[in-house]
Structures are given as C-alpha cells and as structure tokens.
Amino acid sequence: LGNGCEVLEKFALQFKSLNDAVSTVVEFFGMNACDGTGAVKDQSKPHMLHLSGVFVRNKQVMVRAQMQTAKEGVVLKVAVRSESDELSRMIADYIK
C-alpha cells in the first residue's frame, strides 16, 4: 500500500508501560502484529508496532504505531494506510 491514502494522528494514552500500551493497541485494532513488533524489547526506547489486517470486502489495512513513554503515560503516533482515504480515516478515528 502506498502512502497516498495515509492518515496520521497523535494521541496521549494513559498506560504505565509500553507493554500494556502495545498489547491494548493490538487488541483494539484487531489486527496481527508483523515481524515480531508485538513484543517490546526495551522499555526505555520508542517502540514501533506494525499491524496488518483485512477489512470488510477484503480491503487491506496497515497500521504503523510508534509509542514512547512520557511523564504521564504513553504517546502514540499512528499512521493508517488502506486503499481509500475514507477507510484510513475511519480506522484512525476508532481511537478517539
């Protein structure tokens, strides 16, 4: 999927650890973590999570989620890509 139908968002999440944030984001989107990114190796560094899934009518969706601990939780920067702007926006808006 190209970046033509990509939606970028940034959120502050109320989690105490990257592990909790990663597992919740994976469960929330209901997608599969790719390339072993579903496990956090170092809590002190930003973590990049790659998710892949198929939406209704076989529409492929990919999510790139960068998470980093902050003073009061975890900062999540998410990029959603799909075959259409509307689908990418809808999936990114799930978090709100």
N, C-alpha and C. Protein backbone atom coordinates (compact mmCIF):
# COMPACT_ATOMS: atom_id res chain seq x y z
N LEU A 1 0.84 -1.19 0.00
CA LEU A 1 0.00 0.00 0.00
C LEU A 1 0.88 1.24 0.00
N GLY A 2 0.60 2.17 -0.87
CA GLY A 2 1.35 3.41 -0.91
C GLY A 2 0.89 4.37 0.17
N ASN A 3 1.54 5.52 0.25
CA ASN A 3 1.15 6.47 1.29
C ASN A 3 0.12 7.49 0.81
N GLY A 4 -0.48 7.26 -0.35
CA GLY A 4 -1.49 8.17 -0.88
C GLY A 4 -2.75 8.22 -0.05
N CYS A 5 -3.10 7.13 0.60
CA CYS A 5 -4.31 7.06 1.45
C CYS A 5 -3.91 6.85 2.90
N GLU A 6 -2.96 7.64 3.35
CA GLU A 6 -2.44 7.51 4.72
C GLU A 6 -3.02 8.61 5.60
N VAL A 7 -3.39 8.23 6.82
CA VAL A 7 -3.88 9.17 7.82
C VAL A 7 -2.95 9.11 9.02
N LEU A 8 -2.49 10.28 9.48
CA LEU A 8 -1.59 10.37 10.63
C LEU A 8 -2.31 11.03 11.80
N GLU A 9 -2.12 10.46 12.99
CA GLU A 9 -2.72 11.03 14.20
C GLU A 9 -1.75 10.85 15.36
N LYS A 10 -1.95 11.64 16.40
CA LYS A 10 -1.13 11.55 17.61
C LYS A 10 -2.05 11.58 18.82
N PHE A 11 -1.78 10.69 19.80
CA PHE A 11 -2.63 10.56 20.97
C PHE A 11 -1.80 10.42 22.24
N ALA A 12 -2.36 10.81 23.36
CA ALA A 12 -1.77 10.56 24.67
C ALA A 12 -2.59 9.45 25.31
N LEU A 13 -1.93 8.35 25.66
CA LEU A 13 -2.60 7.20 26.25
C LEU A 13 -2.24 7.09 27.73
N GLN A 14 -3.18 6.63 28.52
CA GLN A 14 -2.98 6.52 29.96
C GLN A 14 -2.52 5.12 30.35
N PHE A 15 -1.32 4.76 29.95
CA PHE A 15 -0.73 3.47 30.31
C PHE A 15 0.57 3.72 31.07
N LYS A 16 0.90 2.79 31.96
CA LYS A 16 2.12 2.94 32.75
C LYS A 16 3.32 2.29 32.08
N SER A 17 3.08 1.42 31.10
CA SER A 17 4.20 0.76 30.44
C SER A 17 3.93 0.61 28.95
N LEU A 18 5.01 0.48 28.20
CA LEU A 18 4.88 0.24 26.76
C LEU A 18 4.24 -1.11 26.49
N ASN A 19 4.56 -2.12 27.32
CA ASN A 19 3.96 -3.44 27.13
C ASN A 19 2.44 -3.38 27.17
N ASP A 20 1.91 -2.67 28.17
CA ASP A 20 0.45 -2.53 28.29
C ASP A 20 -0.13 -1.79 27.08
N ALA A 21 0.55 -0.73 26.66
CA ALA A 21 0.07 0.05 25.52
C ALA A 21 0.07 -0.79 24.25
N VAL A 22 1.15 -1.51 24.00
CA VAL A 22 1.26 -2.32 22.78
C VAL A 22 0.18 -3.39 22.75
N SER A 23 0.02 -4.13 23.83
CA SER A 23 -0.98 -5.21 23.82
C SER A 23 -2.39 -4.65 23.66
N THR A 24 -2.68 -3.50 24.25
CA THR A 24 -4.00 -2.89 24.11
C THR A 24 -4.25 -2.38 22.70
N VAL A 25 -3.24 -1.76 22.08
CA VAL A 25 -3.39 -1.25 20.71
C VAL A 25 -3.61 -2.42 19.74
N VAL A 26 -2.87 -3.50 19.91
CA VAL A 26 -3.05 -4.68 19.05
C VAL A 26 -4.47 -5.22 19.19
N GLU A 27 -4.92 -5.36 20.43
CA GLU A 27 -6.28 -5.87 20.69
C GLU A 27 -7.34 -4.91 20.16
N PHE A 28 -7.13 -3.62 20.36
CA PHE A 28 -8.09 -2.60 19.96
C PHE A 28 -8.33 -2.62 18.45
N PHE A 29 -7.25 -2.65 17.67
CA PHE A 29 -7.38 -2.65 16.22
C PHE A 29 -7.80 -4.02 15.68
N GLY A 30 -7.58 -5.08 16.44
CA GLY A 30 -7.97 -6.42 16.00
C GLY A 30 -7.18 -6.89 14.79
N MET A 31 -5.93 -6.46 14.71
CA MET A 31 -5.06 -6.83 13.60
C MET A 31 -3.90 -7.68 14.11
N ASN A 32 -3.12 -8.20 13.18
CA ASN A 32 -1.97 -9.01 13.54
C ASN A 32 -0.71 -8.16 13.55
N ALA A 33 0.10 -8.36 14.60
CA ALA A 33 1.40 -7.69 14.66
C ALA A 33 2.34 -8.37 13.67
N CYS A 34 3.11 -7.58 12.95
CA CYS A 34 4.03 -8.10 11.92
C CYS A 34 5.47 -8.07 12.41
N ASP A 35 6.25 -9.00 11.92
CA ASP A 35 7.70 -9.00 12.11
C ASP A 35 8.13 -8.93 13.57
N GLY A 36 7.38 -9.55 14.47
CA GLY A 36 7.75 -9.59 15.88
C GLY A 36 7.60 -8.27 16.61
N THR A 37 6.89 -7.31 16.02
CA THR A 37 6.76 -5.99 16.65
C THR A 37 5.73 -5.96 17.77
N GLY A 38 5.06 -7.08 18.02
CA GLY A 38 4.08 -7.14 19.10
C GLY A 38 4.71 -7.28 20.48
N ALA A 39 6.02 -7.43 20.54
CA ALA A 39 6.73 -7.57 21.81
C ALA A 39 7.71 -6.41 21.97
N VAL A 40 7.68 -5.79 23.14
CA VAL A 40 8.58 -4.67 23.44
C VAL A 40 9.89 -5.23 24.00
N LYS A 41 11.00 -4.83 23.40
CA LYS A 41 12.30 -5.33 23.84
C LYS A 41 12.96 -4.42 24.88
N ASP A 42 12.79 -3.11 24.75
CA ASP A 42 13.44 -2.16 25.64
C ASP A 42 12.43 -1.07 26.01
N GLN A 43 12.03 -1.03 27.27
CA GLN A 43 11.03 -0.08 27.75
C GLN A 43 11.49 1.38 27.67
N SER A 44 12.80 1.61 27.61
CA SER A 44 13.31 2.98 27.65
C SER A 44 13.37 3.64 26.27
N LYS A 45 13.18 2.85 25.22
CA LYS A 45 13.25 3.38 23.86
C LYS A 45 11.86 3.40 23.22
N PRO A 46 11.67 4.26 22.21
CA PRO A 46 10.40 4.22 21.48
C PRO A 46 10.20 2.84 20.83
N HIS A 47 8.96 2.41 20.75
CA HIS A 47 8.66 1.12 20.14
C HIS A 47 7.82 1.33 18.89
N MET A 48 8.18 0.65 17.82
CA MET A 48 7.44 0.72 16.56
C MET A 48 6.66 -0.58 16.40
N LEU A 49 5.35 -0.46 16.28
CA LEU A 49 4.45 -1.59 16.11
C LEU A 49 3.87 -1.55 14.70
N HIS A 50 3.97 -2.65 13.99
CA HIS A 50 3.39 -2.75 12.65
C HIS A 50 2.24 -3.74 12.70
N LEU A 51 1.07 -3.32 12.23
CA LEU A 51 -0.12 -4.16 12.21
C LEU A 51 -0.64 -4.31 10.79
N SER A 52 -1.20 -5.46 10.51
CA SER A 52 -1.77 -5.72 9.20
C SER A 52 -3.09 -6.46 9.38
N GLY A 53 -4.06 -6.12 8.55
CA GLY A 53 -5.35 -6.78 8.64
C GLY A 53 -6.16 -6.58 7.37
N VAL A 54 -7.30 -7.25 7.33
CA VAL A 54 -8.21 -7.15 6.20
C VAL A 54 -9.55 -6.67 6.72
N PHE A 55 -10.07 -5.62 6.10
CA PHE A 55 -11.34 -5.04 6.50
C PHE A 55 -12.44 -5.63 5.62
N VAL A 56 -13.65 -5.16 5.78
CA VAL A 56 -14.79 -5.63 5.02
C VAL A 56 -14.50 -5.56 3.52
N ARG A 57 -14.97 -6.55 2.78
CA ARG A 57 -14.78 -6.64 1.33
C ARG A 57 -13.31 -6.75 0.93
N ASN A 58 -12.54 -7.43 1.78
CA ASN A 58 -11.13 -7.72 1.51
C ASN A 58 -10.27 -6.48 1.29
N LYS A 59 -10.56 -5.42 1.99
CA LYS A 59 -9.76 -4.19 1.92
C LYS A 59 -8.58 -4.33 2.88
N GLN A 60 -7.37 -4.31 2.34
CA GLN A 60 -6.18 -4.45 3.16
C GLN A 60 -5.91 -3.15 3.91
N VAL A 61 -5.52 -3.30 5.19
CA VAL A 61 -5.23 -2.16 6.05
C VAL A 61 -3.92 -2.41 6.77
N MET A 62 -3.10 -1.37 6.86
CA MET A 62 -1.85 -1.46 7.61
C MET A 62 -1.78 -0.29 8.58
N VAL A 63 -1.27 -0.57 9.77
CA VAL A 63 -1.12 0.46 10.80
C VAL A 63 0.33 0.44 11.29
N ARG A 64 0.91 1.63 11.35
CA ARG A 64 2.24 1.80 11.94
C ARG A 64 2.03 2.65 13.19
N ALA A 65 2.38 2.10 14.34
CA ALA A 65 2.14 2.80 15.60
C ALA A 65 3.46 2.95 16.35
N GLN A 66 3.90 4.19 16.53
CA GLN A 66 5.10 4.44 17.32
C GLN A 66 4.66 4.87 18.70
N MET A 67 5.22 4.21 19.72
CA MET A 67 4.86 4.51 21.10
C MET A 67 6.11 4.81 21.91
N GLN A 68 5.97 5.79 22.82
CA GLN A 68 7.07 6.15 23.68
C GLN A 68 6.51 6.58 25.03
N THR A 69 7.18 6.18 26.09
CA THR A 69 6.73 6.59 27.41
C THR A 69 6.95 8.09 27.59
N ALA A 70 6.04 8.70 28.32
CA ALA A 70 6.10 10.12 28.62
C ALA A 70 5.85 10.30 30.12
N LYS A 71 5.85 11.53 30.59
CA LYS A 71 5.68 11.78 32.02
C LYS A 71 4.37 11.20 32.55
N GLU A 72 3.31 11.32 31.78
CA GLU A 72 2.00 10.89 32.28
C GLU A 72 1.36 9.84 31.39
N GLY A 73 2.13 8.87 30.92
CA GLY A 73 1.56 7.81 30.10
C GLY A 73 2.42 7.47 28.91
N VAL A 74 1.76 7.22 27.80
CA VAL A 74 2.44 6.81 26.57
C VAL A 74 1.92 7.69 25.43
N VAL A 75 2.85 8.19 24.61
CA VAL A 75 2.48 8.95 23.42
C VAL A 75 2.41 7.97 22.26
N LEU A 76 1.31 8.02 21.53
CA LEU A 76 1.08 7.14 20.38
C LEU A 76 0.99 7.99 19.12
N LYS A 77 1.87 7.71 18.17
CA LYS A 77 1.78 8.31 16.84
C LYS A 77 1.39 7.18 15.90
N VAL A 78 0.27 7.35 15.23
CA VAL A 78 -0.25 6.27 14.40
C VAL A 78 -0.41 6.73 12.96
N ALA A 79 -0.06 5.82 12.04
CA ALA A 79 -0.27 6.04 10.61
C ALA A 79 -1.08 4.87 10.09
N VAL A 80 -2.20 5.16 9.47
CA VAL A 80 -3.09 4.13 8.93
C VAL A 80 -3.09 4.23 7.41
N ARG A 81 -2.85 3.11 6.75
CA ARG A 81 -2.87 3.06 5.29
C ARG A 81 -3.87 2.01 4.83
N SER A 82 -4.58 2.37 3.78
CA SER A 82 -5.52 1.43 3.17
C SER A 82 -5.69 1.84 1.71
N GLU A 83 -6.66 1.23 1.07
CA GLU A 83 -6.92 1.52 -0.34
C GLU A 83 -7.75 2.78 -0.54
N SER A 84 -8.29 3.35 0.56
CA SER A 84 -9.11 4.56 0.42
C SER A 84 -8.90 5.49 1.60
N ASP A 85 -8.99 6.79 1.33
CA ASP A 85 -8.86 7.79 2.39
C ASP A 85 -9.94 7.62 3.46
N GLU A 86 -11.15 7.31 3.03
CA GLU A 86 -12.27 7.18 3.97
C GLU A 86 -12.04 6.03 4.95
N LEU A 87 -11.56 4.91 4.45
CA LEU A 87 -11.31 3.76 5.33
C LEU A 87 -10.17 4.07 6.29
N SER A 88 -9.10 4.67 5.80
CA SER A 88 -7.98 5.03 6.67
C SER A 88 -8.44 5.99 7.77
N ARG A 89 -9.23 6.99 7.42
CA ARG A 89 -9.74 7.95 8.39
C ARG A 89 -10.64 7.27 9.41
N MET A 90 -11.52 6.40 8.96
CA MET A 90 -12.44 5.70 9.87
C MET A 90 -11.66 4.87 10.89
N ILE A 91 -10.65 4.17 10.46
CA ILE A 91 -9.87 3.33 11.37
C ILE A 91 -9.07 4.18 12.33
N ALA A 92 -8.48 5.27 11.87
CA ALA A 92 -7.74 6.17 12.76
C ALA A 92 -8.68 6.81 13.79
N ASP A 93 -9.89 7.08 13.40
CA ASP A 93 -10.87 7.70 14.30
C ASP A 93 -11.40 6.75 15.37
N TYR A 94 -11.17 5.45 15.23
CA TYR A 94 -11.58 4.50 16.28
C TYR A 94 -10.97 4.85 17.62
N ILE A 95 -9.77 5.39 17.60
CA ILE A 95 -9.06 5.68 18.85
C ILE A 95 -9.72 6.82 19.62
N LYS A 96 -10.28 7.77 18.90
CA LYS A 96 -10.89 8.93 19.56
C LYS A 96 -12.07 8.48 20.32
